[in-house]
């Protein structure tokens, strides 16, 4: 999960108004993986999967405050990527490059 979060933050840093659909899609895919991991971790903390033993959760034996901090970092990583992607997409549309091709000026 930490690798996926790192990938998301790197993709957030490299986003520009000229980023391709693949870069943006990869960022959203990584954000979705983080959200799924967060959901699985929260469900596990509620005790729903304790009998199975297939998932112990992230930091399962660490203090509760550390787990909350980790969850907050995950949510902030997702929010940061989404915010930056929206801002760069708006900048792209303001420059007339909605389809990724520079607009010619007479």
N, C-alpha and C. Protein backbone atom coordinates (compact mmCIF):
# COMPACT_ATOMS: atom_id res chain seq x y z
N UNK A 1 0.83 -1.19 0.00
CA UNK A 1 0.00 0.00 0.00
C UNK A 1 0.88 1.26 0.00
N UNK A 2 2.01 1.17 0.67
CA UNK A 2 2.89 2.33 0.71
C UNK A 2 3.49 2.62 -0.67
N UNK A 3 3.71 1.57 -1.45
CA UNK A 3 4.22 1.75 -2.81
C UNK A 3 3.17 2.47 -3.66
N UNK A 4 1.92 2.06 -3.54
CA UNK A 4 0.85 2.68 -4.32
C UNK A 4 0.69 4.15 -3.91
N UNK A 5 0.80 4.42 -2.63
CA UNK A 5 0.70 5.81 -2.18
C UNK A 5 1.86 6.64 -2.74
N UNK A 6 3.04 6.07 -2.76
CA UNK A 6 4.20 6.77 -3.32
C UNK A 6 4.00 7.03 -4.81
N UNK A 7 3.48 6.04 -5.53
CA UNK A 7 3.20 6.22 -6.96
C UNK A 7 2.19 7.34 -7.16
N UNK A 8 1.15 7.38 -6.33
CA UNK A 8 0.14 8.44 -6.44
C UNK A 8 0.76 9.81 -6.21
N UNK A 9 1.60 9.92 -5.22
CA UNK A 9 2.23 11.21 -4.93
C UNK A 9 3.20 11.62 -6.04
N UNK A 10 3.91 10.66 -6.63
CA UNK A 10 4.80 10.97 -7.75
C UNK A 10 3.98 11.42 -8.96
N UNK A 11 2.88 10.73 -9.24
CA UNK A 11 2.02 11.14 -10.35
C UNK A 11 1.41 12.51 -10.10
N UNK A 12 1.12 12.82 -8.85
CA UNK A 12 0.62 14.15 -8.50
C UNK A 12 1.67 15.20 -8.83
N UNK A 13 2.91 14.90 -8.52
CA UNK A 13 3.99 15.86 -8.74
C UNK A 13 4.28 16.08 -10.22
N UNK A 14 4.11 15.06 -11.05
CA UNK A 14 4.47 15.20 -12.46
C UNK A 14 3.32 15.68 -13.33
N UNK A 15 2.13 15.85 -12.77
CA UNK A 15 1.00 16.32 -13.57
C UNK A 15 1.25 17.73 -14.07
N UNK A 16 1.03 17.92 -15.34
CA UNK A 16 1.08 19.25 -15.95
C UNK A 16 -0.13 19.38 -16.86
N UNK A 17 -0.28 20.53 -17.45
CA UNK A 17 -1.40 20.72 -18.36
C UNK A 17 -1.23 19.88 -19.63
N UNK A 18 -0.03 19.40 -19.90
CA UNK A 18 0.23 18.57 -21.07
C UNK A 18 0.27 17.08 -20.76
N UNK A 19 -0.09 16.68 -19.55
CA UNK A 19 -0.08 15.26 -19.19
C UNK A 19 -1.08 14.49 -20.05
N UNK A 20 -0.71 13.27 -20.36
CA UNK A 20 -1.56 12.45 -21.22
C UNK A 20 -2.68 11.78 -20.43
N UNK A 21 -3.60 11.17 -21.18
CA UNK A 21 -4.69 10.43 -20.55
C UNK A 21 -4.15 9.26 -19.74
N UNK A 22 -3.04 8.69 -20.18
CA UNK A 22 -2.46 7.54 -19.48
C UNK A 22 -1.93 7.95 -18.11
N UNK A 23 -1.31 9.09 -18.03
CA UNK A 23 -0.79 9.58 -16.75
C UNK A 23 -1.95 9.87 -15.80
N UNK A 24 -2.96 10.54 -16.30
CA UNK A 24 -4.12 10.86 -15.47
C UNK A 24 -4.86 9.60 -15.05
N UNK A 25 -5.01 8.66 -15.97
CA UNK A 25 -5.68 7.40 -15.66
C UNK A 25 -4.91 6.58 -14.63
N UNK A 26 -3.59 6.57 -14.76
CA UNK A 26 -2.77 5.85 -13.79
C UNK A 26 -2.91 6.45 -12.40
N UNK A 27 -2.99 7.77 -12.33
CA UNK A 27 -3.18 8.43 -11.03
C UNK A 27 -4.52 8.09 -10.41
N UNK A 28 -5.57 8.08 -11.23
CA UNK A 28 -6.88 7.71 -10.71
C UNK A 28 -6.93 6.23 -10.32
N UNK A 29 -6.24 5.38 -11.07
CA UNK A 29 -6.20 3.96 -10.72
C UNK A 29 -5.47 3.76 -9.39
N UNK A 30 -4.37 4.45 -9.20
CA UNK A 30 -3.64 4.34 -7.94
C UNK A 30 -4.48 4.88 -6.78
N UNK A 31 -5.20 5.96 -7.02
CA UNK A 31 -6.08 6.51 -5.98
C UNK A 31 -7.19 5.53 -5.63
N UNK A 32 -7.70 4.82 -6.63
CA UNK A 32 -8.74 3.82 -6.39
C UNK A 32 -8.19 2.66 -5.57
N UNK A 33 -6.97 2.25 -5.85
CA UNK A 33 -6.35 1.17 -5.07
C UNK A 33 -6.18 1.60 -3.62
N UNK A 34 -5.77 2.84 -3.41
CA UNK A 34 -5.63 3.36 -2.04
C UNK A 34 -6.99 3.36 -1.34
N UNK A 35 -8.03 3.82 -2.04
CA UNK A 35 -9.37 3.86 -1.45
C UNK A 35 -9.85 2.45 -1.10
N UNK A 36 -9.59 1.48 -1.97
CA UNK A 36 -9.99 0.10 -1.70
C UNK A 36 -9.22 -0.45 -0.50
N UNK A 37 -7.94 -0.14 -0.41
CA UNK A 37 -7.14 -0.57 0.74
C UNK A 37 -7.62 0.06 2.03
N UNK A 38 -7.98 1.33 1.95
CA UNK A 38 -8.51 2.03 3.12
C UNK A 38 -9.82 1.39 3.57
N UNK A 39 -10.69 1.11 2.62
CA UNK A 39 -11.97 0.47 2.94
C UNK A 39 -11.76 -0.91 3.56
N UNK A 40 -10.85 -1.69 2.98
CA UNK A 40 -10.56 -3.02 3.52
C UNK A 40 -9.98 -2.91 4.93
N UNK A 41 -9.13 -1.93 5.16
CA UNK A 41 -8.52 -1.76 6.48
C UNK A 41 -9.57 -1.36 7.51
N UNK A 42 -10.47 -0.45 7.13
CA UNK A 42 -11.52 -0.01 8.07
C UNK A 42 -12.46 -1.16 8.38
N UNK A 43 -12.83 -1.94 7.37
CA UNK A 43 -13.70 -3.09 7.61
C UNK A 43 -13.02 -4.09 8.52
N UNK A 44 -11.73 -4.32 8.31
CA UNK A 44 -11.00 -5.25 9.15
C UNK A 44 -10.94 -4.75 10.60
N UNK A 45 -10.78 -3.45 10.79
CA UNK A 45 -10.72 -2.90 12.14
C UNK A 45 -12.05 -3.09 12.88
N UNK A 46 -13.15 -3.20 12.12
CA UNK A 46 -14.46 -3.42 12.73
C UNK A 46 -14.63 -4.88 13.14
N UNK A 47 -13.73 -5.76 12.73
CA UNK A 47 -13.79 -7.16 13.13
C UNK A 47 -14.57 -8.04 12.17
N UNK A 48 -14.91 -7.54 11.01
CA UNK A 48 -15.72 -8.32 10.08
C UNK A 48 -14.96 -9.50 9.48
N UNK A 49 -13.65 -9.38 9.32
CA UNK A 49 -12.89 -10.44 8.67
C UNK A 49 -11.95 -11.16 9.63
N UNK A 50 -12.12 -10.98 10.91
CA UNK A 50 -11.18 -11.56 11.86
C UNK A 50 -11.15 -13.08 11.82
N UNK A 51 -12.27 -13.72 11.53
CA UNK A 51 -12.30 -15.17 11.52
C UNK A 51 -11.58 -15.79 10.33
N UNK A 52 -11.44 -15.05 9.25
CA UNK A 52 -10.84 -15.61 8.04
C UNK A 52 -9.32 -15.76 8.16
N UNK A 53 -8.69 -14.75 8.69
CA UNK A 53 -7.24 -14.77 8.83
C UNK A 53 -6.48 -14.45 7.56
N UNK A 54 -7.18 -14.06 6.48
CA UNK A 54 -6.49 -13.77 5.23
C UNK A 54 -5.99 -12.35 5.15
N UNK A 55 -6.49 -11.48 6.04
CA UNK A 55 -6.06 -10.08 6.01
C UNK A 55 -5.94 -9.58 7.44
N UNK A 56 -4.74 -9.15 7.79
CA UNK A 56 -4.49 -8.66 9.14
C UNK A 56 -4.60 -7.16 9.25
N UNK A 57 -4.79 -6.47 8.15
CA UNK A 57 -4.86 -5.02 8.19
C UNK A 57 -3.48 -4.39 8.16
N UNK A 58 -3.45 -3.12 7.86
CA UNK A 58 -2.19 -2.38 7.85
C UNK A 58 -1.93 -1.90 9.27
N UNK A 59 -0.73 -2.12 9.76
CA UNK A 59 -0.37 -1.72 11.13
C UNK A 59 -1.35 -2.28 12.15
N UNK A 60 -1.75 -3.54 12.01
CA UNK A 60 -2.83 -4.11 12.82
C UNK A 60 -2.54 -4.17 14.30
N UNK A 61 -1.30 -4.20 14.69
CA UNK A 61 -1.00 -4.26 16.12
C UNK A 61 -0.37 -2.96 16.63
N UNK A 62 -0.53 -1.88 15.89
CA UNK A 62 0.02 -0.59 16.29
C UNK A 62 -1.05 0.21 17.04
N UNK A 63 -0.66 1.28 17.71
CA UNK A 63 -1.63 2.10 18.44
C UNK A 63 -2.69 2.68 17.51
N UNK A 64 -3.87 2.88 18.03
CA UNK A 64 -5.01 3.37 17.26
C UNK A 64 -4.72 4.73 16.64
N UNK A 65 -4.02 5.60 17.36
CA UNK A 65 -3.73 6.93 16.83
C UNK A 65 -2.81 6.85 15.60
N UNK A 66 -1.89 5.92 15.59
CA UNK A 66 -1.02 5.73 14.43
C UNK A 66 -1.82 5.23 13.24
N UNK A 67 -2.78 4.36 13.49
CA UNK A 67 -3.63 3.87 12.41
C UNK A 67 -4.48 5.01 11.84
N UNK A 68 -5.02 5.86 12.71
CA UNK A 68 -5.80 7.00 12.23
C UNK A 68 -4.93 7.96 11.43
N UNK A 69 -3.70 8.17 11.85
CA UNK A 69 -2.79 9.03 11.12
C UNK A 69 -2.52 8.46 9.72
N UNK A 70 -2.31 7.16 9.64
CA UNK A 70 -2.08 6.52 8.34
C UNK A 70 -3.30 6.67 7.44
N UNK A 71 -4.48 6.49 8.00
CA UNK A 71 -5.71 6.65 7.21
C UNK A 71 -5.86 8.10 6.73
N UNK A 72 -5.52 9.05 7.57
CA UNK A 72 -5.61 10.46 7.18
C UNK A 72 -4.63 10.76 6.05
N UNK A 73 -3.43 10.20 6.10
CA UNK A 73 -2.45 10.40 5.03
C UNK A 73 -2.97 9.81 3.73
N UNK A 74 -3.61 8.65 3.78
CA UNK A 74 -4.16 8.04 2.57
C UNK A 74 -5.24 8.93 1.96
N UNK A 75 -6.14 9.43 2.80
CA UNK A 75 -7.22 10.30 2.30
C UNK A 75 -6.63 11.57 1.71
N UNK A 76 -5.63 12.14 2.36
CA UNK A 76 -4.99 13.35 1.83
C UNK A 76 -4.27 13.09 0.52
N UNK A 77 -3.67 11.92 0.35
CA UNK A 77 -3.00 11.59 -0.91
C UNK A 77 -4.02 11.52 -2.05
N UNK A 78 -5.17 10.92 -1.79
CA UNK A 78 -6.22 10.86 -2.81
C UNK A 78 -6.73 12.26 -3.12
N UNK A 79 -7.01 13.04 -2.10
CA UNK A 79 -7.53 14.39 -2.29
C UNK A 79 -6.53 15.27 -3.03
N UNK A 80 -5.26 15.14 -2.71
CA UNK A 80 -4.23 15.94 -3.36
C UNK A 80 -4.15 15.61 -4.85
N UNK A 81 -4.18 14.32 -5.17
CA UNK A 81 -4.13 13.95 -6.59
C UNK A 81 -5.34 14.50 -7.34
N UNK A 82 -6.53 14.29 -6.79
CA UNK A 82 -7.74 14.75 -7.46
C UNK A 82 -7.74 16.27 -7.64
N UNK A 83 -7.34 17.00 -6.62
CA UNK A 83 -7.29 18.46 -6.70
C UNK A 83 -6.31 18.90 -7.79
N UNK A 84 -5.14 18.33 -7.79
CA UNK A 84 -4.12 18.73 -8.76
C UNK A 84 -4.54 18.34 -10.18
N UNK A 85 -5.17 17.21 -10.33
CA UNK A 85 -5.62 16.78 -11.66
C UNK A 85 -6.67 17.73 -12.20
N UNK A 86 -7.60 18.13 -11.35
CA UNK A 86 -8.64 19.08 -11.78
C UNK A 86 -8.02 20.43 -12.13
N UNK A 87 -7.08 20.90 -11.32
CA UNK A 87 -6.44 22.20 -11.59
C UNK A 87 -5.65 22.16 -12.90
N UNK A 88 -4.91 21.08 -13.16
CA UNK A 88 -4.14 21.03 -14.40
C UNK A 88 -5.06 20.85 -15.61
N UNK A 89 -6.17 20.17 -15.43
CA UNK A 89 -7.12 20.02 -16.54
C UNK A 89 -7.74 21.37 -16.89
N UNK A 90 -8.06 22.17 -15.86
CA UNK A 90 -8.61 23.51 -16.11
C UNK A 90 -7.57 24.39 -16.79
N UNK A 91 -6.33 24.30 -16.36
CA UNK A 91 -5.27 25.09 -16.99
C UNK A 91 -5.11 24.67 -18.45
N UNK A 92 -5.27 23.41 -18.71
CA UNK A 92 -5.17 22.90 -20.07
C UNK A 92 -6.28 23.45 -20.94
N UNK A 93 -7.50 23.52 -20.41
CA UNK A 93 -8.62 24.03 -21.20
C UNK A 93 -8.50 25.54 -21.42
N UNK A 94 -7.89 26.26 -20.49
CA UNK A 94 -7.70 27.70 -20.65
C UNK A 94 -6.66 28.03 -21.72
N UNK A 95 -5.75 27.12 -21.94
CA UNK A 95 -4.71 27.33 -22.95
C UNK A 95 -5.11 26.80 -24.31
N UNK A 96 -6.31 26.27 -24.43
CA UNK A 96 -6.78 25.79 -25.71
C UNK A 96 -6.20 24.46 -26.15
N UNK A 97 -5.78 23.64 -25.20
CA UNK A 97 -5.20 22.36 -25.53
C UNK A 97 -6.07 21.23 -25.00
N UNK A 98 -7.36 21.31 -25.21
CA UNK A 98 -8.27 20.31 -24.66
C UNK A 98 -8.03 18.93 -25.22
N UNK A 99 -7.58 18.82 -26.46
CA UNK A 99 -7.35 17.51 -27.04
C UNK A 99 -5.87 17.12 -27.04
N UNK A 100 -5.04 17.87 -26.36
CA UNK A 100 -3.62 17.56 -26.25
C UNK A 100 -2.79 18.12 -27.39
N UNK A 101 -3.41 18.84 -28.34
CA UNK A 101 -2.70 19.44 -29.47
C UNK A 101 -2.70 20.94 -29.28
N UNK A 102 -1.57 21.55 -29.45
CA UNK A 102 -1.45 22.99 -29.30
C UNK A 102 -2.35 23.70 -30.33
N UNK A 103 -3.08 24.66 -29.86
CA UNK A 103 -3.93 25.46 -30.76
C UNK A 103 -3.04 26.44 -31.52
N UNK A 104 -3.29 26.55 -32.82
CA UNK A 104 -2.48 27.48 -33.61
C UNK A 104 -3.10 28.86 -33.55
N UNK A 105 -2.26 29.85 -33.48
CA UNK A 105 -2.73 31.24 -33.46
C UNK A 105 -2.33 31.90 -34.76
N UNK A 106 -3.24 32.67 -35.36
CA UNK A 106 -2.92 33.31 -36.64
C UNK A 106 -1.95 34.45 -36.48
